[in-house]
Amino acid sequence: MRARELLLLAAALLHVSVAQEPTLTLMPAGKLLKALDGSVYVSCTSEVEDPALITEMKWSGPNGQEIPNSDGSIVTLDNPASPGTLDLYVQKLKEQDVGTYVCTAVYAGNVELSSEIVVESYMDIDFGDTPLHQTPIEGTDSKIVCTVTANPQPTVDWLKDLKPIRLDDRHIIQQDGVLIKEITQDDEGIYRCRAKVAQYGIIEYKDIKVEVYSPTEIIEVPENITGEYYK
């Protein structure tokens, strides 16, 4: 019985020792994926017996960049009511802001603490200046234009009146649109340009109204018309 009590006591002491190991906890943790121009927020909280003993708490950015940065677009947020916490806030994520961010602190004057997170970015799907009303001329080879950008590169497919466009000799999908050879009035309708980035589960689309115009027929007036004039 004595041996069992000693074993339980040792286990309890080990549990306390592990529980009291000072650390910094980040939320979210590990890796964070955000759209460019989006905001980034990461909390850093000290897990210690006495948060009042936390000093020199700070964040640093990629390549040891000091935070707050020079233009104030990346700052730290502290909460006096919650000692031992310091949060990171990136107002608008730029390509140069991508990388590893490190939260550091000193506990009880001599215990150095550190925790890091990797911030990665992607460029959201953008349709730029794609015209939402397009008017090709009947009988011409006409392209229904759709300019899509994203990073990673998106895949693009097309629908007409919510039905997938069948690729054939008349319908050719190109990088910036769908080419329709010898377009006719039957090709009028609502064309949907749909872009997908499977890696991040993103899908966006633009609906384009297409009206096919018939070329104006010009009637030439005969010259040197002669005839009688009656009053």
Protein backbone atom coordinates (compact mmCIF):
# COMPACT_ATOMS: atom_id res chain seq x y z
CA MET A 1 0.00 0.00 0.00
CA ARG A 2 2.86 2.34 0.85
CA ALA A 3 4.45 1.77 -2.55
CA ARG A 4 1.15 2.55 -4.28
CA GLU A 5 0.84 5.86 -2.37
CA LEU A 6 4.38 6.84 -3.32
CA LEU A 7 3.67 6.02 -6.96
CA LEU A 8 0.53 8.17 -6.96
CA LEU A 9 2.41 11.03 -5.30
CA ALA A 10 5.19 10.86 -7.87
CA ALA A 11 2.64 10.92 -10.69
CA ALA A 12 0.91 13.93 -9.15
CA LEU A 13 4.20 15.81 -8.79
CA LEU A 14 5.08 15.01 -12.40
CA HIS A 15 1.69 16.32 -13.55
CA VAL A 16 2.17 19.57 -11.61
CA SER A 17 5.67 19.95 -13.04
CA VAL A 18 4.40 19.53 -16.60
CA ALA A 19 1.41 21.80 -16.02
CA GLN A 20 3.64 24.57 -14.66
CA GLU A 21 6.07 24.55 -17.59
CA PRO A 22 5.89 28.17 -18.85
CA THR A 23 4.93 28.53 -22.49
CA LEU A 24 3.44 30.97 -24.98
CA THR A 25 0.28 29.84 -26.77
CA LEU A 26 -0.72 31.26 -30.15
CA MET A 27 -4.25 31.26 -31.53
CA PRO A 28 -4.49 30.30 -34.31
CA ALA A 29 -1.35 28.16 -34.24
CA GLY A 30 1.13 26.73 -36.72
CA LYS A 31 0.16 28.18 -40.09
CA LEU A 32 -2.32 30.84 -41.21
CA LEU A 33 -3.51 31.31 -44.80
CA LYS A 34 -5.03 34.71 -45.64
CA ALA A 35 -6.03 36.60 -48.77
CA LEU A 36 -3.85 39.52 -49.82
CA ASP A 37 -5.33 42.82 -48.58
CA GLY A 38 -7.14 40.89 -45.86
CA SER A 39 -6.48 41.38 -42.14
CA VAL A 40 -4.48 39.06 -39.89
CA TYR A 41 -5.08 38.61 -36.16
CA VAL A 42 -3.09 36.29 -33.89
CA SER A 43 -3.28 36.20 -30.09
CA CYS A 44 -0.24 35.36 -27.93
CA THR A 45 -0.97 34.28 -24.36
CA SER A 46 1.49 33.26 -21.66
CA GLU A 47 0.67 29.99 -19.89
CA VAL A 48 2.44 30.56 -16.56
CA GLU A 49 1.68 30.47 -12.84
CA ASP A 50 1.95 34.24 -12.44
CA PRO A 51 1.35 36.31 -15.61
CA ALA A 52 2.47 39.42 -13.72
CA LEU A 53 6.04 38.07 -13.95
CA ILE A 54 5.99 38.23 -17.77
CA THR A 55 8.24 40.99 -19.16
CA GLU A 56 9.71 42.07 -22.51
CA MET A 57 6.76 40.60 -24.40
CA LYS A 58 6.90 41.48 -28.09
CA TRP A 59 6.30 40.36 -31.67
CA SER A 60 8.76 40.32 -34.54
CA GLY A 61 8.00 39.78 -38.21
CA PRO A 62 9.74 38.16 -41.18
CA ASN A 63 13.53 38.72 -41.21
CA GLY A 64 13.38 40.05 -37.66
CA GLN A 65 11.17 42.99 -38.62
CA GLU A 66 10.25 45.13 -35.61
CA ILE A 67 6.58 45.47 -34.73
CA PRO A 68 4.95 47.96 -34.82
CA ASN A 69 6.46 48.54 -38.26
CA SER A 70 7.46 51.92 -39.65
CA ASP A 71 4.16 52.77 -41.37
CA GLY A 72 1.89 51.42 -38.64
CA SER A 73 0.22 48.81 -40.85
CA ILE A 74 1.36 46.00 -38.52
CA VAL A 75 0.82 46.63 -34.81
CA THR A 76 0.49 44.85 -31.48
CA LEU A 77 -2.58 45.00 -29.24
CA ASP A 78 -2.26 44.61 -25.50
CA ASN A 79 -4.95 44.25 -22.85
CA PRO A 80 -4.08 45.74 -19.46
CA ALA A 81 -6.88 43.71 -17.90
CA SER A 82 -5.19 40.50 -19.08
CA PRO A 83 -1.46 40.56 -18.25
CA GLY A 84 0.82 38.23 -20.15
CA THR A 85 -1.03 38.65 -23.46
CA LEU A 86 -0.03 40.49 -26.63
CA ASP A 87 -1.82 40.20 -29.95
CA LEU A 88 -0.61 40.71 -33.51
CA TYR A 89 -2.70 42.71 -36.00
CA VAL A 90 -1.90 43.15 -39.69
CA GLN A 91 -4.38 45.63 -41.14
CA LYS A 92 -3.90 44.78 -44.84
CA LEU A 93 -1.70 41.84 -45.72
CA LYS A 94 0.83 42.58 -48.47
CA GLU A 95 3.19 40.20 -50.24
CA GLN A 96 6.15 41.57 -48.25
CA ASP A 97 4.31 40.79 -44.99
CA VAL A 98 4.23 37.04 -45.66
CA GLY A 99 6.52 34.89 -43.53
CA THR A 100 7.22 33.78 -39.96
CA TYR A 101 6.06 35.87 -37.00
CA VAL A 102 7.52 35.25 -33.55
CA CYS A 103 6.07 36.12 -30.15
CA THR A 104 8.69 36.27 -27.38
CA ALA A 105 8.71 37.07 -23.66
CA VAL A 106 10.77 36.64 -20.49
CA TYR A 107 9.26 34.95 -17.43
CA ALA A 108 10.44 35.49 -13.86
CA GLY A 109 13.44 37.46 -15.07
CA ASN A 110 15.38 34.61 -16.68
CA VAL A 111 13.13 32.17 -18.55
CA GLU A 112 12.96 33.04 -22.24
CA LEU A 113 9.76 32.04 -24.02
CA SER A 114 9.07 31.93 -27.74
CA SER A 115 6.36 30.75 -30.13
CA GLU A 116 5.95 31.31 -33.87
CA ILE A 117 3.39 31.18 -36.65
CA VAL A 118 3.79 31.14 -40.44
CA VAL A 119 1.56 33.54 -42.38
CA GLU A 120 0.96 32.59 -46.02
CA SER A 121 -1.07 34.45 -48.62
CA TYR A 122 -3.15 33.92 -51.71
CA MET A 123 -4.65 36.39 -54.20
CA ASP A 124 -8.41 36.14 -54.29
CA ILE A 125 -10.23 35.67 -57.59
CA ASP A 126 -10.63 38.97 -59.44
CA PHE A 127 -12.51 39.61 -62.68
CA GLY A 128 -10.88 42.99 -63.29
CA ASP A 129 -12.67 45.15 -65.87
CA THR A 130 -14.67 42.32 -67.49
CA PRO A 131 -17.64 43.97 -69.30
CA LEU A 132 -20.96 42.69 -67.98
CA HIS A 133 -22.78 43.62 -71.23
CA GLN A 134 -21.16 42.60 -74.51
CA THR A 135 -22.50 43.22 -78.02
CA PRO A 136 -20.77 41.20 -80.74
CA ILE A 137 -21.72 41.67 -84.41
CA GLU A 138 -23.66 38.89 -86.10
CA GLY A 139 -21.67 36.78 -88.52
CA THR A 140 -18.26 37.61 -87.03
CA ASP A 141 -15.87 35.48 -84.99
CA SER A 142 -16.44 37.09 -81.59
CA LYS A 143 -14.91 36.59 -78.18
CA ILE A 144 -16.97 36.87 -75.00
CA VAL A 145 -14.29 38.43 -72.82
CA CYS A 146 -13.65 37.46 -69.19
CA THR A 147 -10.39 38.53 -67.53
CA VAL A 148 -9.66 36.41 -64.45
CA THR A 149 -6.67 36.70 -62.12
CA ALA A 150 -5.82 34.78 -58.94
CA ASN A 151 -2.90 33.17 -57.21
CA PRO A 152 -2.69 30.17 -57.44
CA GLN A 153 -3.82 30.16 -61.08
CA PRO A 154 -7.57 29.48 -61.32
CA THR A 155 -9.35 27.08 -63.65
CA VAL A 156 -12.14 28.69 -65.68
CA ASP A 157 -15.22 27.14 -67.25
CA TRP A 158 -18.24 28.63 -69.00
CA LEU A 159 -22.01 28.25 -68.89
CA LYS A 160 -24.70 29.72 -71.13
CA ASP A 161 -28.09 30.21 -69.49
CA LEU A 162 -26.81 28.01 -66.63
CA LYS A 163 -25.93 25.11 -68.93
CA PRO A 164 -22.29 24.08 -69.56
CA ILE A 165 -20.99 25.22 -72.93
CA ARG A 166 -20.09 22.27 -75.12
CA LEU A 167 -16.75 22.71 -76.80
CA ASP A 168 -16.88 22.21 -80.55
CA ASP A 169 -15.62 23.82 -83.75
CA ARG A 170 -17.61 27.00 -83.00
CA HIS A 171 -16.89 27.35 -79.27
CA ILE A 172 -13.24 27.62 -78.23
CA ILE A 173 -12.22 28.37 -74.64
CA GLN A 174 -9.29 30.78 -74.48
CA GLN A 175 -7.34 32.28 -71.60
CA ASP A 176 -9.34 35.51 -71.60
CA GLY A 177 -12.72 34.34 -72.85
CA VAL A 178 -14.71 32.04 -75.11
CA LEU A 179 -14.42 32.49 -78.88
CA ILE A 180 -17.60 31.89 -80.89
CA LYS A 181 -17.16 31.55 -84.63
CA GLU A 182 -19.73 33.18 -86.92
CA ILE A 183 -21.87 34.25 -84.00
CA THR A 184 -25.64 34.34 -84.52
CA GLN A 185 -28.76 35.55 -82.73
CA ASP A 186 -29.09 32.05 -81.26
CA ASP A 187 -25.90 32.71 -79.28
CA GLU A 188 -27.54 35.49 -77.27
CA GLY A 189 -28.06 34.89 -73.56
CA ILE A 190 -26.44 35.07 -70.15
CA TYR A 191 -22.91 33.70 -70.14
CA ARG A 192 -21.40 32.75 -66.79
CA CYS A 193 -17.61 32.95 -66.46
CA ARG A 194 -16.76 30.70 -63.49
CA ALA A 195 -13.35 30.58 -61.81
CA LYS A 196 -12.19 28.01 -59.25
CA VAL A 197 -9.12 27.57 -57.04
CA ALA A 198 -9.43 24.00 -55.78
CA GLN A 199 -6.48 24.23 -53.36
CA TYR A 200 -8.34 26.75 -51.19
CA GLY A 201 -11.93 25.78 -51.95
CA ILE A 202 -12.73 29.08 -53.68
CA ILE A 203 -15.23 29.58 -56.50
CA GLU A 204 -16.48 32.87 -57.98
CA TYR A 205 -18.33 33.84 -61.14
CA LYS A 206 -19.49 36.75 -63.28
CA ASP A 207 -22.64 36.78 -65.39
CA ILE A 208 -22.28 38.50 -68.76
CA LYS A 209 -25.27 39.54 -70.88
CA VAL A 210 -24.58 38.95 -74.57
CA GLU A 211 -26.70 40.63 -77.26
CA VAL A 212 -25.83 39.95 -80.89
CA TYR A 213 -26.25 42.96 -83.16
CA SER A 214 -27.10 42.64 -86.83
CA PRO A 215 -24.93 44.80 -89.09
CA THR A 216 -26.76 47.83 -90.41
CA GLU A 217 -27.68 47.50 -94.06
CA ILE A 218 -26.80 50.65 -95.98
CA ILE A 219 -28.98 51.43 -99.00
CA GLU A 220 -27.19 53.56 -101.55
CA VAL A 221 -29.27 56.26 -103.26
CA PRO A 222 -28.85 56.21 -107.07
CA GLU A 223 -27.18 59.27 -108.53
CA ASN A 224 -28.43 61.50 -111.37
CA ILE A 225 -32.10 60.70 -110.98
CA THR A 226 -34.06 62.40 -113.72
CA GLY A 227 -37.76 62.81 -114.06
CA GLU A 228 -40.59 65.26 -114.46
CA TYR A 229 -41.56 67.74 -111.83
CA TYR A 230 -45.23 68.49 -111.27
CA LYS A 231 -46.68 71.40 -109.37
